[in-house]
């Protein structure tokens, strides 16, 4: 079970991360975000509920993986790292009230002579809580700490050709996942049973490629729940004349291809829903027409607003973000946000998830486009109709 990419792919990523470290005056980077650990080393395990990290130093060629003892073999199986750079801590560090795994990490840093370095840490990541930072500060009083929260995330934002291929494979799974949802959702069916059909499609993948667990569980809002995003399923039965909002994803080797659509169960959708769908699709089309290298992210959002200006539709939140490799709880990369003020210049092989969802008290509508920026424009990472689906 070797790393999923060739070693030189990881080495190139590490080189780019070191360049950003140098720009920020960082000697040592402590990475706790699971996707960033995977990106630089290949490490892939459901072990992020305990403390783990990867150390990248400017003067050491290989990164260092540090984690719980029982997970060390996972690092040996999934990374390219040599034995001397796979380091395990004892199990009595886990959920201890008297010592912390970051005390152990600090000990390794001292052993390697890095305890007076300028150290960057991911201060706003889900898996780096306050106590972890305090423990490092206590143990390394001569170090100079700085926030390197999205340093590796910004390296990840432009994908390699091999990553693009993985996302396209995820896109094939996304097509199957959305088909499974549409086939399962019907009047009289329990929401949980439809969710089970979606999960089966996500995990089974295609005949050629195995699926993977998505960073976000299937989001499936029906009836009254369509007035908001980010809800899941219950034992409730789907009713006639109600909408169902779906935000799903196919996943391949931790790479995602998010897909969102809206279904109406009945013959005659309410006028508000059909009007909203028409406006949102028009605005989305205008935004997509703008996507190409050299354009700023805020220009894409401006095209969306211009495209819907003739209507009463208003969207105050962002209309999308970048996506790719990730772990729970989010498939977004925490870099690009498609909204006013984001002056990121688009480059080939960036991945954008445009999802201008609208949620009214009466009904909501979701649709999306997951696209790759090409040399001259964009391409979708899957082939699926952009429309309001009416299931009679």
Protein backbone atom coordinates (compact mmCIF):
# COMPACT_ATOMS: atom_id res chain seq x y z
CA UNK A 1 0.00 0.00 0.00
CA UNK A 2 2.48 2.66 -1.16
CA UNK A 3 1.72 6.39 -1.41
CA UNK A 4 -0.80 7.12 -4.16
CA UNK A 5 1.56 9.47 -6.02
CA UNK A 6 5.21 9.05 -7.08
CA UNK A 7 7.81 10.31 -4.60
CA UNK A 8 8.88 13.15 -6.89
CA UNK A 9 5.30 14.51 -6.77
CA UNK A 10 5.58 14.83 -2.98
CA UNK A 11 9.08 16.27 -3.22
CA UNK A 12 7.84 18.96 -5.58
CA UNK A 13 5.04 19.85 -3.15
CA UNK A 14 7.51 20.05 -0.26
CA UNK A 15 9.77 22.30 -2.33
CA UNK A 16 6.87 24.70 -2.95
CA UNK A 17 5.95 24.66 0.74
CA UNK A 18 9.54 25.50 1.68
CA UNK A 19 9.50 28.43 -0.71
CA UNK A 20 6.45 29.84 1.06
CA UNK A 21 8.09 29.15 4.42
CA UNK A 22 11.13 31.16 3.33
CA UNK A 23 8.92 34.03 2.21
CA UNK A 24 7.38 34.14 5.70
CA UNK A 25 10.67 33.67 7.56
CA UNK A 26 9.75 30.21 8.86
CA UNK A 27 12.45 27.61 9.63
CA UNK A 28 10.15 24.85 10.87
CA UNK A 29 6.52 24.21 9.95
CA UNK A 30 4.28 22.11 12.20
CA UNK A 31 1.36 20.75 10.18
CA UNK A 32 -1.73 19.36 11.92
CA UNK A 33 -4.37 19.65 9.17
CA UNK A 34 -4.91 16.07 7.89
CA UNK A 35 -5.18 17.13 4.23
CA UNK A 36 -1.91 19.03 4.47
CA UNK A 37 -0.23 16.04 6.11
CA UNK A 38 -1.52 13.85 3.27
CA UNK A 39 -0.53 16.36 0.62
CA UNK A 40 3.11 16.50 1.68
CA UNK A 41 3.70 12.89 2.76
CA UNK A 42 0.84 10.67 1.55
CA UNK A 43 -0.28 9.86 5.10
CA UNK A 44 -3.87 8.65 5.10
CA UNK A 45 -5.57 7.28 8.19
CA UNK A 46 -8.62 7.95 10.36
CA UNK A 47 -6.37 9.01 13.20
CA UNK A 48 -7.03 12.74 13.31
CA UNK A 49 -9.16 12.43 16.44
CA UNK A 50 -5.89 12.21 18.38
CA UNK A 51 -2.95 14.58 18.06
CA UNK A 52 -0.59 14.03 15.14
CA UNK A 53 1.55 16.26 12.97
CA UNK A 54 4.14 16.53 10.23
CA UNK A 55 7.27 18.63 10.69
CA UNK A 56 8.90 20.29 7.69
CA UNK A 57 12.29 21.91 8.30
CA UNK A 58 14.22 24.01 5.82
CA UNK A 59 17.43 22.03 6.43
CA UNK A 60 16.08 18.46 6.42
CA UNK A 61 15.12 16.84 3.15
CA UNK A 62 12.35 14.58 4.47
CA UNK A 63 9.44 15.70 6.64
CA UNK A 64 8.87 14.00 9.98
CA UNK A 65 5.59 12.28 10.85
CA UNK A 66 4.72 12.15 14.58
CA UNK A 67 1.65 10.32 15.83
CA UNK A 68 0.12 7.77 18.14
CA UNK A 69 2.00 4.50 18.35
CA UNK A 70 -0.80 2.35 16.95
CA UNK A 71 -0.95 4.61 13.87
CA UNK A 72 2.76 4.46 13.03
CA UNK A 73 2.32 1.45 10.78
CA UNK A 74 -0.24 3.49 8.87
CA UNK A 75 2.50 6.03 8.20
CA UNK A 76 4.84 3.24 7.11
CA UNK A 77 2.20 1.92 4.71
CA UNK A 78 0.96 5.16 3.18
CA UNK A 79 3.92 7.58 3.16
CA UNK A 80 7.30 7.66 1.43
CA UNK A 81 9.08 8.56 4.67
CA UNK A 82 12.08 6.62 5.97
CA UNK A 83 11.90 4.83 9.31
CA UNK A 84 13.91 7.49 11.13
CA UNK A 85 11.27 10.09 10.22
CA UNK A 86 8.28 8.09 11.47
CA UNK A 87 8.07 8.75 15.19
CA UNK A 88 5.44 7.41 17.58
CA UNK A 89 4.38 8.53 21.03
CA UNK A 90 3.14 6.24 23.83
CA UNK A 91 -0.55 5.68 24.32
CA UNK A 92 -0.57 7.23 27.78
CA UNK A 93 -0.33 10.63 26.09
CA UNK A 94 -3.82 10.13 24.67
CA UNK A 95 -6.38 12.25 26.56
CA UNK A 96 -4.00 12.61 29.47
CA UNK A 97 -4.66 15.31 32.05
CA UNK A 98 -0.99 15.58 33.07
CA UNK A 99 0.89 15.63 29.77
CA UNK A 100 0.15 16.42 26.15
CA UNK A 101 1.32 14.92 22.83
CA UNK A 102 2.72 18.34 21.90
CA UNK A 103 5.12 18.01 24.84
CA UNK A 104 6.41 14.90 23.05
CA UNK A 105 6.57 16.77 19.73
CA UNK A 106 8.56 19.53 21.44
CA UNK A 107 11.00 16.89 22.72
CA UNK A 108 11.63 15.67 19.16
CA UNK A 109 12.15 19.27 18.04
CA UNK A 110 14.74 19.73 20.81
CA UNK A 111 16.51 16.47 19.90
CA UNK A 112 16.92 17.70 16.32
CA UNK A 113 18.24 21.08 17.41
CA UNK A 114 15.28 23.05 16.14
CA UNK A 115 14.08 24.47 19.47
CA UNK A 116 15.33 28.02 18.76
CA UNK A 117 13.83 28.14 15.29
CA UNK A 118 11.18 30.37 13.81
CA UNK A 119 8.24 27.95 13.94
CA UNK A 120 5.04 28.24 11.95
CA UNK A 121 1.88 26.55 13.25
CA UNK A 122 -1.60 26.22 11.79
CA UNK A 123 -3.40 28.38 14.34
CA UNK A 124 -6.91 28.18 12.88
CA UNK A 125 -7.19 24.53 11.89
CA UNK A 126 -9.83 22.16 13.26
CA UNK A 127 -7.25 19.73 14.65
CA UNK A 128 -4.94 22.19 16.42
CA UNK A 129 -6.74 23.27 19.60
CA UNK A 130 -5.63 25.89 22.08
CA UNK A 131 -4.03 23.43 24.48
CA UNK A 132 -1.79 22.11 21.70
CA UNK A 133 -0.42 25.60 21.08
CA UNK A 134 0.02 26.34 24.77
CA UNK A 135 1.88 23.04 25.27
CA UNK A 136 4.30 23.88 22.45
CA UNK A 137 4.92 27.39 23.82
CA UNK A 138 5.56 26.02 27.32
CA UNK A 139 7.99 23.41 26.04
CA UNK A 140 9.86 25.59 23.54
CA UNK A 141 10.46 28.93 25.30
CA UNK A 142 13.28 29.98 22.94
CA UNK A 143 11.31 29.39 19.75
CA UNK A 144 9.59 32.18 17.86
CA UNK A 145 6.06 31.15 16.86
CA UNK A 146 4.02 32.58 14.00
CA UNK A 147 0.74 31.79 12.29
CA UNK A 148 1.20 29.67 9.15
CA UNK A 149 -2.44 28.64 9.07
CA UNK A 150 -3.05 28.34 5.32
CA UNK A 151 0.52 28.13 4.07
CA UNK A 152 0.21 24.60 2.68
CA UNK A 153 -3.42 25.21 1.68
CA UNK A 154 -2.22 27.88 -0.76
CA UNK A 155 0.37 25.49 -2.19
CA UNK A 156 -2.48 23.02 -2.76
CA UNK A 157 -4.66 25.53 -4.62
CA UNK A 158 -3.01 24.85 -8.02
CA UNK A 159 -3.33 21.15 -8.77
CA UNK A 160 -0.84 18.91 -10.55
CA UNK A 161 -2.00 16.99 -13.60
CA UNK A 162 -2.13 13.81 -11.48
CA UNK A 163 -4.39 15.54 -8.96
CA UNK A 164 -6.64 16.73 -11.77
CA UNK A 165 -7.01 13.13 -12.91
CA UNK A 166 -8.00 12.04 -9.38
CA UNK A 167 -10.63 14.79 -9.21
CA UNK A 168 -12.03 13.72 -12.58
CA UNK A 169 -12.31 10.18 -11.23
CA UNK A 170 -14.16 11.61 -8.25
CA UNK A 171 -16.37 13.40 -10.77
CA UNK A 172 -17.36 10.11 -12.36
CA UNK A 173 -18.36 8.89 -8.92
CA UNK A 174 -20.32 12.14 -8.36
CA UNK A 175 -22.43 11.43 -11.44
CA UNK A 176 -23.29 8.01 -10.02
CA UNK A 177 -23.98 9.50 -6.58
CA UNK A 178 -26.45 12.07 -7.92
CA UNK A 179 -28.15 9.41 -10.03
CA UNK A 180 -28.50 7.26 -6.92
CA UNK A 181 -30.09 10.14 -5.02
CA UNK A 182 -32.56 10.89 -7.82
CA UNK A 183 -33.48 7.21 -8.15
CA UNK A 184 -33.97 6.77 -4.40
CA UNK A 185 -35.88 9.95 -3.56
CA UNK A 186 -39.62 9.58 -4.09
CA UNK A 187 -42.90 10.25 -2.35
CA UNK A 188 -43.31 7.78 0.51
CA UNK A 189 -39.59 6.95 0.85
CA UNK A 190 -37.84 7.66 4.14
CA UNK A 191 -35.07 10.24 4.01
CA UNK A 192 -32.69 7.87 5.79
CA UNK A 193 -33.22 5.18 3.16
CA UNK A 194 -32.39 7.64 0.39
CA UNK A 195 -29.29 8.70 2.32
CA UNK A 196 -28.24 5.05 2.56
CA UNK A 197 -28.50 4.73 -1.23
CA UNK A 198 -26.33 7.85 -1.61
CA UNK A 199 -23.73 6.53 0.82
CA UNK A 200 -23.61 3.20 -0.99
CA UNK A 201 -22.91 4.98 -4.27
CA UNK A 202 -20.24 7.14 -2.64
CA UNK A 203 -18.38 4.19 -1.19
CA UNK A 204 -18.77 1.71 -4.04
CA UNK A 205 -17.62 4.20 -6.68
CA UNK A 206 -17.50 3.02 -10.27
CA UNK A 207 -16.52 -0.30 -11.82
CA UNK A 208 -13.01 1.09 -12.27
CA UNK A 209 -12.48 3.31 -9.23
CA UNK A 210 -13.34 2.71 -5.57
CA UNK A 211 -15.22 5.46 -3.82
CA UNK A 212 -14.10 7.06 -0.57
CA UNK A 213 -15.82 8.70 2.38
CA UNK A 214 -16.54 12.38 1.71
CA UNK A 215 -15.37 15.15 4.02
CA UNK A 216 -19.00 16.22 4.41
CA UNK A 217 -21.83 13.74 4.91
CA UNK A 218 -24.74 13.85 2.43
CA UNK A 219 -26.67 17.09 2.97
CA UNK A 220 -30.30 16.38 2.09
CA UNK A 221 -32.89 19.02 2.97
CA UNK A 222 -36.56 18.41 2.18
CA UNK A 223 -39.80 20.32 2.71
CA UNK A 224 -39.50 22.91 5.46
CA UNK A 225 -35.78 22.12 5.81
CA UNK A 226 -35.11 23.66 2.38
CA UNK A 227 -35.13 27.11 3.97
CA UNK A 228 -31.57 26.44 5.17
CA UNK A 229 -28.42 24.58 4.07
CA UNK A 230 -26.32 22.06 5.98
CA UNK A 231 -28.98 19.73 7.39
CA UNK A 232 -28.97 15.96 7.07
CA UNK A 233 -31.63 13.26 6.98
CA UNK A 234 -34.23 11.89 9.41
CA UNK A 235 -36.80 9.09 9.35
CA UNK A 236 -39.25 11.55 7.78
CA UNK A 237 -41.02 10.35 4.62
CA UNK A 238 -40.77 12.44 1.46
CA UNK A 239 -44.05 14.19 0.69
CA UNK A 240 -45.74 15.12 -2.56
CA UNK A 241 -45.25 18.74 -3.66
CA UNK A 242 -42.06 19.39 -1.74
CA UNK A 243 -38.55 20.27 -2.84
CA UNK A 244 -35.40 18.35 -1.92
CA UNK A 245 -31.99 20.05 -1.88
CA UNK A 246 -28.97 17.82 -2.33
CA UNK A 247 -25.35 18.71 -1.65
CA UNK A 248 -23.22 15.61 -2.22
CA UNK A 249 -19.82 14.57 -3.51
CA UNK A 250 -18.00 11.72 -5.11
CA UNK A 251 -14.58 11.15 -3.57
CA UNK A 252 -11.51 9.31 -4.84
CA UNK A 253 -8.40 8.90 -2.68
CA UNK A 254 -9.55 11.90 -0.60
CA UNK A 255 -10.08 14.10 -3.68
CA UNK A 256 -13.60 15.49 -4.03
CA UNK A 257 -15.94 16.60 -6.80
CA UNK A 258 -18.88 18.32 -5.04
CA UNK A 259 -22.26 18.20 -6.76
CA UNK A 260 -25.51 19.94 -5.73
CA UNK A 261 -28.93 19.82 -7.33
CA UNK A 262 -32.60 20.40 -6.44
CA UNK A 263 -35.50 17.98 -6.99
CA UNK A 264 -39.18 18.86 -6.86
CA UNK A 265 -41.55 15.99 -6.06
CA UNK A 266 -44.71 16.81 -7.95
CA UNK A 267 -46.25 18.07 -11.19
CA UNK A 268 -46.42 21.78 -10.54
CA UNK A 269 -43.50 23.47 -8.71
CA UNK A 270 -44.34 26.77 -7.00
CA UNK A 271 -43.65 29.84 -9.08
CA UNK A 272 -41.10 31.12 -6.56
CA UNK A 273 -39.04 27.95 -7.01
CA UNK A 274 -39.10 27.97 -10.81
CA UNK A 275 -38.37 31.70 -10.97
CA UNK A 276 -35.50 31.37 -8.50
CA UNK A 277 -34.06 28.40 -10.38
CA UNK A 278 -34.16 30.35 -13.65
CA UNK A 279 -32.40 33.37 -12.17
CA UNK A 280 -29.76 31.35 -10.30
CA UNK A 281 -28.94 29.28 -13.39
CA UNK A 282 -28.64 32.45 -15.45
CA UNK A 283 -26.31 34.02 -12.91
CA UNK A 284 -24.25 30.85 -12.64
CA UNK A 285 -23.85 30.76 -16.42
CA UNK A 286 -22.60 34.37 -16.42
CA UNK A 287 -20.12 33.60 -13.65
CA UNK A 288 -18.80 30.55 -15.50
CA UNK A 289 -18.37 32.58 -18.68
CA UNK A 290 -15.94 34.77 -16.73
CA UNK A 291 -13.72 31.93 -15.45
CA UNK A 292 -10.31 31.90 -17.14
CA UNK A 293 -6.67 32.51 -16.21
CA UNK A 294 -5.83 36.11 -15.32
CA UNK A 295 -9.32 36.92 -14.03
CA UNK A 296 -9.67 37.70 -10.34
CA UNK A 297 -12.04 35.75 -8.12
CA UNK A 298 -14.03 38.88 -7.29
CA UNK A 299 -14.61 39.43 -11.03
CA UNK A 300 -16.27 36.02 -11.22
CA UNK A 301 -18.57 36.98 -8.34
CA UNK A 302 -19.29 40.34 -9.96
CA UNK A 303 -20.42 38.57 -13.13
CA UNK A 304 -22.85 36.52 -11.03
CA UNK A 305 -24.32 39.64 -9.45
CA UNK A 306 -24.61 41.36 -12.82
CA UNK A 307 -26.34 38.28 -14.22
CA UNK A 308 -29.05 38.35 -11.54
CA UNK A 309 -29.37 42.14 -11.24
CA UNK A 310 -32.66 42.18 -13.17
CA UNK A 311 -34.29 39.98 -10.50
CA UNK A 312 -35.20 40.21 -6.82
CA UNK A 313 -32.78 37.41 -5.90
CA UNK A 314 -30.15 38.51 -3.36
CA UNK A 315 -27.28 36.43 -2.02
CA UNK A 316 -25.17 37.93 0.75
CA UNK A 317 -22.85 34.98 1.34
CA UNK A 318 -20.05 33.86 -0.96
CA UNK A 319 -21.00 31.87 -4.06
CA UNK A 320 -18.20 29.34 -3.88
CA UNK A 321 -14.65 28.37 -2.97
CA UNK A 322 -11.75 26.17 -4.03
CA UNK A 323 -11.85 22.42 -3.45
CA UNK A 324 -9.81 19.26 -3.84
CA UNK A 325 -8.06 17.03 -1.30
CA UNK A 326 -9.63 17.00 2.15
CA UNK A 327 -10.86 15.29 5.30
CA UNK A 328 -13.84 15.94 7.59
CA UNK A 329 -15.36 18.34 8.32
CA UNK A 330 -14.94 20.27 5.05
CA UNK A 331 -14.02 19.68 1.41
CA UNK A 332 -13.25 23.38 0.87
CA UNK A 333 -9.57 24.33 0.91
CA UNK A 334 -9.84 27.47 3.14
CA UNK A 335 -8.20 29.58 0.44
CA UNK A 336 -10.31 31.05 -2.37
CA UNK A 337 -13.73 32.46 -1.48
CA UNK A 338 -15.78 33.64 -4.45
CA UNK A 339 -16.98 37.00 -3.10
CA UNK A 340 -16.18 40.71 -3.34
CA UNK A 341 -12.69 41.51 -2.12
CA UNK A 342 -11.02 38.22 -3.08
CA UNK A 343 -8.37 39.41 -5.54
CA UNK A 344 -6.83 35.97 -6.13
CA UNK A 345 -5.87 35.72 -9.80
CA UNK A 346 -7.11 32.52 -11.42
CA UNK A 347 -4.49 30.11 -12.76
CA UNK A 348 -4.78 26.88 -14.76
CA UNK A 349 -5.55 23.81 -12.60
CA UNK A 350 -7.28 25.73 -9.84
CA UNK A 351 -10.55 24.05 -8.85
CA UNK A 352 -13.65 26.15 -8.14
CA UNK A 353 -16.93 25.03 -6.62
CA UNK A 354 -19.56 27.60 -7.58
CA UNK A 355 -22.67 26.98 -5.50
CA UNK A 356 -25.00 29.99 -5.37
CA UNK A 357 -27.62 28.45 -3.10
CA UNK A 358 -30.72 30.48 -2.24
CA UNK A 359 -32.82 29.73 0.83
CA UNK A 360 -36.20 31.42 1.35
CA UNK A 361 -38.63 30.74 4.16
CA UNK A 362 -40.99 29.25 1.57
CA UNK A 363 -38.50 27.13 -0.39
CA UNK A 364 -34.83 26.88 -1.29
CA UNK A 365 -32.86 26.11 -4.44
CA UNK A 366 -29.36 24.70 -4.85
CA UNK A 367 -27.32 24.01 -7.96
CA UNK A 368 -23.58 24.06 -8.54
CA UNK A 369 -20.68 23.71 -10.91
CA UNK A 370 -17.37 22.12 -9.93
CA UNK A 371 -14.84 23.24 -12.51
CA UNK A 372 -11.17 23.26 -13.35
CA UNK A 373 -9.59 26.46 -14.65
CA UNK A 374 -8.02 25.60 -18.02
CA UNK A 375 -5.53 27.48 -20.20
CA UNK A 376 -8.35 29.36 -21.90
CA UNK A 377 -11.45 29.01 -19.72
CA UNK A 378 -12.87 26.19 -17.64
CA UNK A 379 -14.08 22.60 -17.81
CA UNK A 380 -16.50 20.77 -15.56
CA UNK A 381 -15.10 17.86 -13.58
CA UNK A 382 -18.29 15.88 -14.24
CA UNK A 383 -21.07 15.76 -16.81
CA UNK A 384 -24.45 16.45 -15.21
CA UNK A 385 -27.39 18.64 -16.33
CA UNK A 386 -27.74 22.08 -14.77
CA UNK A 387 -31.47 22.26 -14.09
CA UNK A 388 -34.28 21.94 -11.58
CA UNK A 389 -35.31 18.27 -11.64
CA UNK A 390 -39.06 17.67 -11.51
CA UNK A 391 -39.94 14.13 -10.46
CA UNK A 392 -43.63 13.48 -11.05
